[in-house]
């Protein structure tokens, strides 16, 4: 009865025209938060363990957050040690805990679920000579953080919830963790569906694929919907394996599948005949940001080892946006900019700029490694053919070897380096951007460099007015860990309708020029959206 009373009070509050409220768990710097805030949701609180990410979240959302003590939004928090009640008290939020949150969102850390993360865990366990090294990913503490998420569901009793994670969560050591979550949520009174969505389907210049789970309380008596793709792209090879695993969860008929016994939806790739615009390319995404010619900076001493500041300002090359994506990035509601952005800073890589200058679009580490091996031998052969073989001192040979030798095994690290395609979306940005960023080398080889912090932010759909706290490395990590805000926004707009909010305009129509069809609603949904 108490649960139903809290749910009913929240439904009544939304019907009265008040803004919906959300709480973001494992929030990072705020990719999901930005999407929901832009969709008219009010931020109640966030929970983030990393101190720099928490500081970024507070810096961007403090002004639109609920509660009296807004500075508390900057604090890093451990979800396993703090309850919703203690957090609300710290933020100065009065009232019953189960009446504060309309929508609970979040993505538990994915490293232990992701295949890349599993490999790292196995490597470290082998290094420690642990007998269970091959299954280290199954006992990693982060695997069970979804249970903390469920604890927050039980305490806050949201009308709806959103969980995000890597596709591999559908097969973690043979276990479908998403279905485990769904089962628990059904016992708490929620209808649940989950699916795979690709960021490129929504115009994001990145082929990032993630699992999204939506739960809606049964008292709302509404259908769960995922956002319809707004863009078309051809996904590169490499997605088939994961998608095949997911596809096995549903029957083999129809374009949108629902297995009644389980909660999985299958959504087919948008058809090239559907009349959708092509997704954003790397060139379109990075438009109006000035070039950074790394070799020139290196020669002039304009770049050197040391801390790079993601708050450093940078002026645009055009007074007005020159692409639809640049317009979105520069005019995003609440995060618009005028003549400049910040964080257009890159890594100091004196050995490798010259190599970037010689690469071709699409080259990965094996091609680069072979090229460098050949180049080193050519330089040494040239040195000897010139008659300097006998006179060439060992220091010169040693320097050539140092300058033209790459340290990683190309068979073990095939994706270590990658030069972007100019006219395609990029592949998934990962958290390890905070360590090397070689996975995303700028397509303009004349600039001879990896992408900057601001370029990474744009490829992830963070607007130019969004700020990142901490060092350059911390900013890269925050971006790579985030949910693309534009994908979050598309989901948030659907959830608004599902929980009975008043309709609002869609920024994508104005800023991206999309012809969006209104979401389908039942008669009961329409009644709920009228105050």
Foldseek 3Di string as FASTA:
>chain_A
DVLVVLLVVLLVVQLVFDFAEEEEECQFLHLLNLLQVLLRYAYAAYEHQDQQRQQLNLVQRLVRHDADQSVLSNGHHDLVPDAQVVSNVVRHHDDALQNRHQEYEYEQDALLQDPVSLVVQLVVCVVVVHPCSNLSSVPPPSVPCVVSVVVNCLRRVHQKYKYKYALSCCQRVHHNVVQVSQVSVVVVQWHKAKEKDFPQLAQQLARGIMMMMMIGGCVLVFDDDAFGGQAADDDDPDCVPSVVSLVVVFDDDDQWTQDPVTRYIYHDGDDPPPPHHHHDHLQLLCAFFDFAQLVVCVVVVVDDDDFDDQAAKGFGPDQARDHLLLLCQQPPPSQHDGGIFGFQDFDDDVLQLVLLLPDAAFQWDVVSQVVLVVVLVVVVVVCVVVVCPVVDDPVVNVVSCVSRHDDDDCVVCRQQAHEHDRGGRHYAQALCCLPPQRNYQYNNSSSSGHGTLVSLCSSLQNHRRRGGDDTRSSSSNSSNSHHRSSSSNSRSQSVCLSSQHAHDDDVCCVSVVGDDDDDDGDPSSVSSNHD
